[in-house]
N, C-alpha and C. Protein backbone atom coordinates (compact mmCIF):
# COMPACT_ATOMS: atom_id res chain seq x y z
N UNK A 1 2.37 -4.34 -25.81
CA UNK A 1 1.54 -4.47 -24.63
C UNK A 1 2.31 -5.21 -23.54
N UNK A 2 2.25 -4.72 -22.33
CA UNK A 2 3.00 -5.37 -21.24
C UNK A 2 2.22 -6.55 -20.69
N UNK A 3 2.92 -7.49 -20.13
CA UNK A 3 2.31 -8.71 -19.62
C UNK A 3 1.39 -8.46 -18.43
N UNK A 4 1.72 -7.52 -17.58
CA UNK A 4 0.95 -7.27 -16.36
C UNK A 4 0.04 -6.04 -16.50
N UNK A 5 -0.38 -5.74 -17.73
CA UNK A 5 -1.14 -4.53 -18.00
C UNK A 5 -2.42 -4.43 -17.17
N UNK A 6 -3.15 -5.53 -17.04
CA UNK A 6 -4.40 -5.50 -16.26
C UNK A 6 -4.17 -5.17 -14.79
N UNK A 7 -3.13 -5.76 -14.21
CA UNK A 7 -2.81 -5.48 -12.81
C UNK A 7 -2.39 -4.03 -12.63
N UNK A 8 -1.54 -3.55 -13.53
CA UNK A 8 -1.08 -2.17 -13.43
C UNK A 8 -2.23 -1.20 -13.63
N UNK A 9 -3.09 -1.47 -14.59
CA UNK A 9 -4.24 -0.58 -14.82
C UNK A 9 -5.13 -0.53 -13.58
N UNK A 10 -5.34 -1.66 -12.94
CA UNK A 10 -6.17 -1.70 -11.72
C UNK A 10 -5.52 -0.89 -10.60
N UNK A 11 -4.23 -1.08 -10.41
CA UNK A 11 -3.53 -0.32 -9.38
C UNK A 11 -3.57 1.18 -9.68
N UNK A 12 -3.39 1.54 -10.93
CA UNK A 12 -3.39 2.96 -11.29
C UNK A 12 -4.77 3.59 -11.06
N UNK A 13 -5.85 2.87 -11.37
CA UNK A 13 -7.20 3.39 -11.07
C UNK A 13 -7.36 3.57 -9.57
N UNK A 14 -6.89 2.61 -8.83
CA UNK A 14 -6.97 2.69 -7.37
C UNK A 14 -6.16 3.88 -6.86
N UNK A 15 -4.96 4.05 -7.36
CA UNK A 15 -4.12 5.16 -6.91
C UNK A 15 -4.75 6.50 -7.24
N UNK A 16 -5.37 6.61 -8.40
CA UNK A 16 -6.05 7.86 -8.74
C UNK A 16 -7.19 8.14 -7.76
N UNK A 17 -7.92 7.09 -7.39
CA UNK A 17 -8.99 7.26 -6.41
C UNK A 17 -8.42 7.72 -5.07
N UNK A 18 -7.36 7.07 -4.62
CA UNK A 18 -6.73 7.42 -3.35
C UNK A 18 -6.16 8.83 -3.41
N UNK A 19 -5.46 9.15 -4.50
CA UNK A 19 -4.89 10.49 -4.64
C UNK A 19 -5.98 11.55 -4.54
N UNK A 20 -7.09 11.32 -5.21
CA UNK A 20 -8.20 12.27 -5.18
C UNK A 20 -8.80 12.35 -3.78
N UNK A 21 -8.93 11.21 -3.12
CA UNK A 21 -9.48 11.19 -1.76
C UNK A 21 -8.58 11.94 -0.78
N UNK A 22 -7.29 11.92 -1.01
CA UNK A 22 -6.34 12.58 -0.11
C UNK A 22 -6.26 14.09 -0.31
N UNK A 23 -6.73 14.57 -1.48
CA UNK A 23 -6.65 16.00 -1.77
C UNK A 23 -7.39 16.80 -0.71
N UNK A 24 -6.70 17.78 -0.16
CA UNK A 24 -7.32 18.69 0.80
C UNK A 24 -7.45 18.15 2.21
N UNK A 25 -7.03 16.93 2.45
CA UNK A 25 -7.10 16.40 3.81
C UNK A 25 -5.89 16.90 4.61
N UNK A 26 -6.14 17.44 5.80
CA UNK A 26 -5.05 17.86 6.66
C UNK A 26 -4.66 16.71 7.59
N UNK A 27 -3.64 16.96 8.42
CA UNK A 27 -3.16 15.91 9.32
C UNK A 27 -4.27 15.41 10.24
N UNK A 28 -5.14 16.29 10.70
CA UNK A 28 -6.23 15.88 11.60
C UNK A 28 -7.18 14.90 10.92
N UNK A 29 -7.51 15.16 9.67
CA UNK A 29 -8.39 14.25 8.93
C UNK A 29 -7.70 12.93 8.66
N UNK A 30 -6.40 12.97 8.39
CA UNK A 30 -5.66 11.74 8.11
C UNK A 30 -5.61 10.81 9.31
N UNK A 31 -5.54 11.35 10.51
CA UNK A 31 -5.42 10.50 11.70
C UNK A 31 -6.76 10.21 12.38
N UNK A 32 -7.82 10.83 11.92
CA UNK A 32 -9.15 10.63 12.53
C UNK A 32 -9.62 9.20 12.30
N UNK A 33 -10.15 8.61 13.36
CA UNK A 33 -10.70 7.26 13.29
C UNK A 33 -12.20 7.35 13.59
N UNK A 34 -13.04 6.72 12.77
CA UNK A 34 -14.48 6.83 12.97
C UNK A 34 -14.97 6.15 14.25
N UNK A 35 -14.19 5.22 14.79
CA UNK A 35 -14.50 4.53 16.04
C UNK A 35 -13.20 3.99 16.61
N UNK A 36 -13.20 3.65 17.89
CA UNK A 36 -11.95 3.23 18.54
C UNK A 36 -11.36 1.96 17.95
N UNK A 37 -12.18 1.12 17.36
CA UNK A 37 -11.65 -0.12 16.79
C UNK A 37 -11.48 -0.04 15.28
N UNK A 38 -11.44 1.16 14.74
CA UNK A 38 -11.26 1.37 13.30
C UNK A 38 -9.90 2.01 13.02
N UNK A 39 -9.43 1.85 11.80
CA UNK A 39 -8.17 2.43 11.38
C UNK A 39 -8.39 3.82 10.79
N UNK A 40 -7.35 4.61 10.82
CA UNK A 40 -7.38 5.95 10.23
C UNK A 40 -6.95 5.86 8.76
N UNK A 41 -7.19 6.93 8.03
CA UNK A 41 -6.71 7.02 6.65
C UNK A 41 -5.19 6.91 6.64
N UNK A 42 -4.52 7.58 7.55
CA UNK A 42 -3.05 7.54 7.61
C UNK A 42 -2.55 6.12 7.81
N UNK A 43 -3.20 5.38 8.71
CA UNK A 43 -2.76 4.01 8.97
C UNK A 43 -2.98 3.14 7.75
N UNK A 44 -4.13 3.27 7.10
CA UNK A 44 -4.41 2.44 5.92
C UNK A 44 -3.47 2.79 4.76
N UNK A 45 -3.15 4.06 4.60
CA UNK A 45 -2.22 4.47 3.55
C UNK A 45 -0.85 3.87 3.81
N UNK A 46 -0.40 3.94 5.06
CA UNK A 46 0.90 3.35 5.42
C UNK A 46 0.86 1.84 5.19
N UNK A 47 -0.19 1.19 5.67
CA UNK A 47 -0.30 -0.27 5.57
C UNK A 47 -0.32 -0.73 4.11
N UNK A 48 -1.15 -0.11 3.28
CA UNK A 48 -1.22 -0.57 1.89
C UNK A 48 0.09 -0.32 1.16
N UNK A 49 0.80 0.74 1.52
CA UNK A 49 2.11 1.00 0.93
C UNK A 49 3.13 -0.01 1.41
N UNK A 50 3.09 -0.34 2.69
CA UNK A 50 4.02 -1.33 3.25
C UNK A 50 3.81 -2.70 2.63
N UNK A 51 2.55 -3.11 2.47
CA UNK A 51 2.26 -4.42 1.88
C UNK A 51 2.79 -4.46 0.44
N UNK A 52 2.53 -3.43 -0.34
CA UNK A 52 3.00 -3.41 -1.72
C UNK A 52 4.52 -3.37 -1.78
N UNK A 53 5.15 -2.59 -0.92
CA UNK A 53 6.62 -2.53 -0.84
C UNK A 53 7.18 -3.93 -0.54
N UNK A 54 6.58 -4.60 0.42
CA UNK A 54 7.04 -5.94 0.81
C UNK A 54 6.92 -6.92 -0.36
N UNK A 55 5.77 -6.93 -1.01
CA UNK A 55 5.58 -7.86 -2.13
C UNK A 55 6.53 -7.54 -3.29
N UNK A 56 6.53 -6.31 -3.73
CA UNK A 56 7.29 -5.94 -4.92
C UNK A 56 8.79 -6.15 -4.71
N UNK A 57 9.29 -5.80 -3.55
CA UNK A 57 10.73 -5.89 -3.33
C UNK A 57 11.17 -7.22 -2.71
N UNK A 58 10.72 -7.53 -1.52
CA UNK A 58 11.19 -8.71 -0.81
C UNK A 58 10.64 -10.00 -1.39
N UNK A 59 9.32 -10.08 -1.52
CA UNK A 59 8.69 -11.34 -1.93
C UNK A 59 8.94 -11.70 -3.39
N UNK A 60 8.92 -10.72 -4.27
CA UNK A 60 9.00 -11.03 -5.69
C UNK A 60 10.35 -10.74 -6.34
N UNK A 61 11.17 -9.89 -5.74
CA UNK A 61 12.46 -9.59 -6.34
C UNK A 61 13.65 -9.89 -5.45
N UNK A 62 13.39 -10.30 -4.21
CA UNK A 62 14.47 -10.56 -3.25
C UNK A 62 15.41 -9.35 -3.13
N UNK A 63 14.83 -8.17 -3.08
CA UNK A 63 15.57 -6.92 -2.94
C UNK A 63 15.16 -6.23 -1.65
N UNK A 64 16.00 -5.32 -1.15
CA UNK A 64 15.61 -4.55 0.02
C UNK A 64 14.40 -3.66 -0.29
N UNK A 65 13.54 -3.53 0.67
CA UNK A 65 12.36 -2.68 0.53
C UNK A 65 12.77 -1.21 0.56
N UNK A 66 11.97 -0.38 -0.08
CA UNK A 66 12.16 1.08 0.00
C UNK A 66 12.11 1.52 1.46
N UNK A 67 11.26 0.86 2.25
CA UNK A 67 11.08 1.15 3.68
C UNK A 67 12.43 1.23 4.38
N UNK A 68 13.31 0.27 4.07
CA UNK A 68 14.62 0.20 4.73
C UNK A 68 15.69 0.88 3.87
N UNK A 69 15.76 0.49 2.60
CA UNK A 69 16.80 1.00 1.70
C UNK A 69 16.83 2.52 1.65
N UNK A 70 15.66 3.14 1.60
CA UNK A 70 15.57 4.59 1.47
C UNK A 70 15.32 5.31 2.79
N UNK A 71 15.34 4.56 3.89
CA UNK A 71 15.22 5.16 5.22
C UNK A 71 13.84 5.68 5.60
N UNK A 72 12.80 5.18 4.93
CA UNK A 72 11.45 5.64 5.28
C UNK A 72 11.10 5.31 6.72
N UNK A 73 11.57 4.19 7.23
CA UNK A 73 11.26 3.80 8.61
C UNK A 73 11.69 4.87 9.61
N UNK A 74 12.82 5.55 9.33
CA UNK A 74 13.28 6.59 10.26
C UNK A 74 12.34 7.79 10.22
N UNK A 75 11.86 8.13 9.02
CA UNK A 75 10.95 9.27 8.88
C UNK A 75 9.59 8.97 9.53
N UNK A 76 9.25 7.69 9.63
CA UNK A 76 8.02 7.28 10.31
C UNK A 76 8.25 7.05 11.80
N UNK A 77 9.51 7.11 12.25
CA UNK A 77 9.83 6.88 13.65
C UNK A 77 9.57 5.45 14.08
N UNK A 78 9.86 4.51 13.19
CA UNK A 78 9.59 3.10 13.44
C UNK A 78 10.85 2.28 13.24
N UNK A 79 10.86 1.05 13.73
CA UNK A 79 12.01 0.17 13.53
C UNK A 79 12.15 -0.25 12.06
N UNK A 80 13.32 -0.67 11.70
CA UNK A 80 13.61 -1.13 10.33
C UNK A 80 13.22 -2.59 10.17
N UNK A 81 12.04 -2.95 10.54
CA UNK A 81 11.57 -4.33 10.46
C UNK A 81 10.90 -4.55 9.10
N UNK A 82 11.48 -5.37 8.23
CA UNK A 82 10.90 -5.56 6.90
C UNK A 82 9.55 -6.27 6.92
N UNK A 83 9.23 -6.93 8.01
CA UNK A 83 7.95 -7.65 8.09
C UNK A 83 6.86 -6.85 8.79
N UNK A 84 7.18 -5.73 9.39
CA UNK A 84 6.16 -4.93 10.07
C UNK A 84 5.44 -4.07 9.04
N UNK A 85 4.24 -4.48 8.74
CA UNK A 85 3.41 -3.76 7.78
C UNK A 85 1.98 -3.63 8.30
N UNK A 86 1.81 -3.82 9.61
CA UNK A 86 0.52 -3.64 10.23
C UNK A 86 -0.34 -4.88 10.29
N UNK A 87 0.07 -5.94 9.63
CA UNK A 87 -0.70 -7.18 9.65
C UNK A 87 -0.70 -7.75 11.07
N UNK A 88 -1.89 -7.99 11.61
CA UNK A 88 -2.01 -8.55 12.94
C UNK A 88 -1.96 -7.53 14.07
N UNK A 89 -1.87 -6.25 13.75
CA UNK A 89 -1.86 -5.23 14.80
C UNK A 89 -3.21 -5.23 15.52
N UNK A 90 -3.15 -5.06 16.82
CA UNK A 90 -4.37 -4.91 17.62
C UNK A 90 -4.89 -3.49 17.50
N UNK A 91 -6.15 -3.30 17.91
CA UNK A 91 -6.72 -1.94 17.92
C UNK A 91 -5.90 -1.04 18.83
N UNK A 92 -5.40 -1.59 19.92
CA UNK A 92 -4.58 -0.80 20.85
C UNK A 92 -3.27 -0.36 20.19
N UNK A 93 -2.65 -1.27 19.43
CA UNK A 93 -1.41 -0.94 18.73
C UNK A 93 -1.66 0.18 17.71
N UNK A 94 -2.77 0.06 16.97
CA UNK A 94 -3.12 1.10 16.00
C UNK A 94 -3.33 2.44 16.70
N UNK A 95 -3.99 2.41 17.86
CA UNK A 95 -4.24 3.63 18.63
C UNK A 95 -2.93 4.29 19.06
N UNK A 96 -1.95 3.49 19.41
CA UNK A 96 -0.67 4.02 19.89
C UNK A 96 0.24 4.50 18.76
N UNK A 97 -0.05 4.10 17.54
CA UNK A 97 0.78 4.46 16.40
C UNK A 97 0.67 5.95 16.13
N UNK A 98 1.82 6.60 16.00
CA UNK A 98 1.86 8.04 15.73
C UNK A 98 2.40 8.26 14.32
N UNK A 99 1.52 8.55 13.37
CA UNK A 99 2.00 8.74 12.00
C UNK A 99 2.80 10.04 11.86
N UNK A 100 3.69 10.08 10.89
CA UNK A 100 4.44 11.31 10.64
C UNK A 100 3.56 12.33 9.92
N UNK A 101 4.13 13.46 9.63
CA UNK A 101 3.41 14.51 8.90
C UNK A 101 2.95 14.01 7.53
N UNK A 102 1.94 14.68 7.03
CA UNK A 102 1.32 14.32 5.76
C UNK A 102 2.35 14.17 4.63
N UNK A 103 3.32 15.07 4.55
CA UNK A 103 4.32 15.03 3.48
C UNK A 103 5.13 13.73 3.50
N UNK A 104 5.45 13.24 4.67
CA UNK A 104 6.20 11.98 4.79
C UNK A 104 5.31 10.82 4.35
N UNK A 105 4.08 10.81 4.81
CA UNK A 105 3.16 9.73 4.43
C UNK A 105 2.99 9.67 2.91
N UNK A 106 2.75 10.84 2.31
CA UNK A 106 2.54 10.89 0.87
C UNK A 106 3.82 10.59 0.09
N UNK A 107 4.96 10.94 0.67
CA UNK A 107 6.24 10.64 0.03
C UNK A 107 6.49 9.15 -0.08
N UNK A 108 6.24 8.43 1.00
CA UNK A 108 6.42 6.96 0.97
C UNK A 108 5.44 6.33 -0.01
N UNK A 109 4.19 6.72 0.07
CA UNK A 109 3.16 6.21 -0.83
C UNK A 109 3.56 6.46 -2.29
N UNK A 110 4.04 7.63 -2.60
CA UNK A 110 4.46 7.97 -3.95
C UNK A 110 5.65 7.12 -4.40
N UNK A 111 6.61 6.91 -3.51
CA UNK A 111 7.78 6.09 -3.84
C UNK A 111 7.36 4.66 -4.15
N UNK A 112 6.41 4.14 -3.42
CA UNK A 112 5.96 2.76 -3.64
C UNK A 112 5.17 2.66 -4.94
N UNK A 113 4.34 3.65 -5.22
CA UNK A 113 3.62 3.64 -6.50
C UNK A 113 4.61 3.58 -7.66
N UNK A 114 5.65 4.40 -7.60
CA UNK A 114 6.66 4.43 -8.66
C UNK A 114 7.39 3.09 -8.77
N UNK A 115 7.80 2.54 -7.65
CA UNK A 115 8.54 1.27 -7.66
C UNK A 115 7.67 0.14 -8.20
N UNK A 116 6.42 0.09 -7.79
CA UNK A 116 5.51 -0.97 -8.25
C UNK A 116 5.25 -0.83 -9.75
N UNK A 117 5.05 0.39 -10.22
CA UNK A 117 4.82 0.62 -11.65
C UNK A 117 6.00 0.17 -12.48
N UNK A 118 7.18 0.54 -12.05
CA UNK A 118 8.40 0.15 -12.76
C UNK A 118 8.54 -1.37 -12.80
N UNK A 119 8.32 -2.02 -11.68
CA UNK A 119 8.42 -3.48 -11.61
C UNK A 119 7.41 -4.14 -12.54
N UNK A 120 6.15 -3.73 -12.46
CA UNK A 120 5.11 -4.36 -13.27
C UNK A 120 5.35 -4.15 -14.77
N UNK A 121 5.83 -2.97 -15.15
CA UNK A 121 6.08 -2.69 -16.56
C UNK A 121 7.19 -3.59 -17.13
N UNK A 122 8.06 -4.07 -16.26
CA UNK A 122 9.17 -4.90 -16.72
C UNK A 122 8.90 -6.39 -16.74
N UNK A 123 7.71 -6.79 -16.34
CA UNK A 123 7.42 -8.22 -16.28
C UNK A 123 7.04 -8.79 -17.65
N UNK A 124 7.53 -9.99 -17.91
CA UNK A 124 7.15 -10.71 -19.12
C UNK A 124 6.08 -11.75 -18.77
N UNK A 125 5.51 -12.36 -19.77
CA UNK A 125 4.54 -13.43 -19.54
C UNK A 125 5.23 -14.56 -18.78
N UNK A 126 6.46 -14.88 -19.13
CA UNK A 126 7.20 -15.94 -18.44
C UNK A 126 7.40 -15.60 -16.96
N UNK A 127 7.68 -14.32 -16.66
CA UNK A 127 7.83 -13.89 -15.27
C UNK A 127 6.54 -14.13 -14.49
N UNK A 128 5.42 -13.77 -15.08
CA UNK A 128 4.13 -13.92 -14.41
C UNK A 128 3.76 -15.38 -14.20
N UNK A 129 4.24 -16.26 -15.06
CA UNK A 129 3.92 -17.68 -14.98
C UNK A 129 4.89 -18.47 -14.11
N UNK A 130 5.91 -17.82 -13.58
CA UNK A 130 6.89 -18.50 -12.74
C UNK A 130 6.22 -19.03 -11.48
N UNK A 131 6.43 -20.30 -11.19
CA UNK A 131 5.85 -20.95 -10.02
C UNK A 131 6.87 -20.95 -8.89
N UNK A 132 6.46 -20.43 -7.73
CA UNK A 132 7.37 -20.39 -6.58
C UNK A 132 6.58 -20.16 -5.30
N UNK A 133 7.23 -20.43 -4.17
CA UNK A 133 6.61 -20.15 -2.86
C UNK A 133 6.77 -18.65 -2.60
N UNK A 134 5.64 -17.98 -2.41
CA UNK A 134 5.63 -16.54 -2.17
C UNK A 134 4.80 -16.29 -0.92
N UNK A 135 5.49 -16.01 0.21
CA UNK A 135 4.74 -15.76 1.45
C UNK A 135 3.72 -14.64 1.26
N UNK A 136 2.65 -14.65 1.97
CA UNK A 136 2.36 -15.47 3.13
C UNK A 136 1.76 -16.83 2.81
N UNK A 137 1.56 -17.15 1.53
CA UNK A 137 1.02 -18.46 1.14
C UNK A 137 2.18 -19.44 1.04
N UNK A 138 2.06 -20.60 1.72
CA UNK A 138 3.15 -21.57 1.77
C UNK A 138 3.26 -22.39 0.48
N UNK A 139 2.14 -22.69 -0.15
CA UNK A 139 2.17 -23.51 -1.36
C UNK A 139 2.69 -22.69 -2.54
N UNK A 140 3.47 -23.34 -3.39
CA UNK A 140 3.94 -22.62 -4.58
C UNK A 140 2.75 -22.14 -5.42
N UNK A 141 2.91 -20.95 -5.98
CA UNK A 141 1.90 -20.36 -6.87
C UNK A 141 2.61 -19.51 -7.90
N UNK A 142 1.89 -19.14 -8.93
CA UNK A 142 2.52 -18.32 -9.95
C UNK A 142 2.60 -16.87 -9.46
N UNK A 143 3.58 -16.16 -9.98
CA UNK A 143 3.79 -14.76 -9.61
C UNK A 143 2.53 -13.94 -9.88
N UNK A 144 1.82 -14.23 -10.97
CA UNK A 144 0.59 -13.50 -11.28
C UNK A 144 -0.43 -13.62 -10.17
N UNK A 145 -0.52 -14.78 -9.51
CA UNK A 145 -1.47 -14.96 -8.41
C UNK A 145 -1.08 -14.10 -7.21
N UNK A 146 0.20 -14.03 -6.91
CA UNK A 146 0.66 -13.18 -5.80
C UNK A 146 0.39 -11.71 -6.12
N UNK A 147 0.61 -11.32 -7.36
CA UNK A 147 0.33 -9.93 -7.75
C UNK A 147 -1.16 -9.65 -7.71
N UNK A 148 -1.96 -10.63 -8.04
CA UNK A 148 -3.41 -10.47 -7.91
C UNK A 148 -3.81 -10.25 -6.47
N UNK A 149 -3.18 -10.99 -5.55
CA UNK A 149 -3.46 -10.84 -4.12
C UNK A 149 -3.11 -9.45 -3.62
N UNK A 150 -1.93 -8.96 -3.96
CA UNK A 150 -1.50 -7.65 -3.46
C UNK A 150 -2.29 -6.52 -4.14
N UNK A 151 -2.71 -6.74 -5.38
CA UNK A 151 -3.55 -5.75 -6.05
C UNK A 151 -4.90 -5.67 -5.36
N UNK A 152 -5.49 -6.82 -5.06
CA UNK A 152 -6.76 -6.86 -4.33
C UNK A 152 -6.61 -6.13 -2.99
N UNK A 153 -5.54 -6.37 -2.26
CA UNK A 153 -5.31 -5.74 -0.97
C UNK A 153 -5.26 -4.22 -1.12
N UNK A 154 -4.55 -3.74 -2.13
CA UNK A 154 -4.44 -2.29 -2.36
C UNK A 154 -5.79 -1.69 -2.71
N UNK A 155 -6.56 -2.36 -3.53
CA UNK A 155 -7.87 -1.84 -3.92
C UNK A 155 -8.81 -1.82 -2.71
N UNK A 156 -8.77 -2.87 -1.89
CA UNK A 156 -9.62 -2.91 -0.70
C UNK A 156 -9.32 -1.72 0.22
N UNK A 157 -8.04 -1.48 0.48
CA UNK A 157 -7.67 -0.37 1.36
C UNK A 157 -7.90 0.99 0.69
N UNK A 158 -7.70 1.05 -0.61
CA UNK A 158 -8.01 2.28 -1.32
C UNK A 158 -9.48 2.65 -1.18
N UNK A 159 -10.35 1.66 -1.28
CA UNK A 159 -11.78 1.89 -1.09
C UNK A 159 -12.10 2.35 0.31
N UNK A 160 -11.42 1.79 1.30
CA UNK A 160 -11.63 2.22 2.68
C UNK A 160 -11.21 3.68 2.86
N UNK A 161 -10.10 4.05 2.26
CA UNK A 161 -9.63 5.44 2.34
C UNK A 161 -10.66 6.37 1.71
N UNK A 162 -11.14 6.00 0.53
CA UNK A 162 -12.13 6.83 -0.16
C UNK A 162 -13.42 6.92 0.65
N UNK A 163 -13.83 5.82 1.26
CA UNK A 163 -15.04 5.84 2.07
C UNK A 163 -14.89 6.79 3.26
N UNK A 164 -13.75 6.69 3.96
CA UNK A 164 -13.54 7.58 5.10
C UNK A 164 -13.48 9.04 4.66
N UNK A 165 -12.87 9.31 3.52
CA UNK A 165 -12.86 10.68 2.98
C UNK A 165 -14.31 11.18 2.85
N UNK A 166 -15.16 10.35 2.26
CA UNK A 166 -16.56 10.72 2.08
C UNK A 166 -17.28 10.89 3.39
N UNK A 167 -17.00 10.02 4.34
CA UNK A 167 -17.63 10.09 5.66
C UNK A 167 -17.24 11.38 6.38
N UNK A 168 -15.96 11.74 6.31
CA UNK A 168 -15.46 12.89 7.04
C UNK A 168 -15.73 14.23 6.34
N UNK A 169 -15.61 14.25 5.02
CA UNK A 169 -15.68 15.54 4.31
C UNK A 169 -16.59 15.54 3.10
N UNK A 170 -17.34 14.50 2.91
CA UNK A 170 -18.21 14.43 1.74
C UNK A 170 -17.48 13.91 0.53
N UNK A 171 -18.22 13.81 -0.54
CA UNK A 171 -17.66 13.29 -1.78
C UNK A 171 -16.38 14.04 -2.13
N UNK A 172 -15.60 13.47 -2.95
CA UNK A 172 -14.33 14.08 -3.30
C UNK A 172 -13.30 13.00 -3.52
N UNK A 173 -13.77 11.79 -3.58
CA UNK A 173 -12.85 10.67 -3.75
C UNK A 173 -12.87 10.12 -5.17
N UNK A 174 -13.83 10.53 -5.98
CA UNK A 174 -13.95 9.94 -7.30
C UNK A 174 -12.88 10.47 -8.26
N UNK A 175 -12.13 9.57 -8.90
CA UNK A 175 -11.07 10.02 -9.82
C UNK A 175 -11.63 10.82 -10.98
N UNK A 176 -10.96 11.88 -11.29
CA UNK A 176 -11.37 12.71 -12.42
C UNK A 176 -10.72 12.22 -13.69
């Protein structure tokens, strides 16, 4: 049994929900916003992938993010800023954001799912209990707490994606 099994199982359930919610959505549905001050499915998918990429690579392993290492930023037409993950963006900034085609969005999301799964499967109990400063929280905390935070963030955004899928096209978000 792996040390981070509960976190990985939660992320995998969330990913199945998101994968199902994304089925059959075209580019227009991905970029549709229910109101001017709301985010689109495309933006939330990018954001939740960026946050997980940042945590898994930079914050927890001190490695380059897939965003930069694999050139995803160029495919998204964005700068190679390792800290730009949508946190603190204004509604105007979100409105101006032009997501790439569906295949690019899903490619980055898939790459991050794979990287996070591989990382979590390799963690030991000692790894999870390691105490260190892990931004954005300044006080030292155990790695398991940081992983709990990023898992919660992914599940929250996954639920938003599923909700918007239901709002725009009806049910179809429930994992089979």
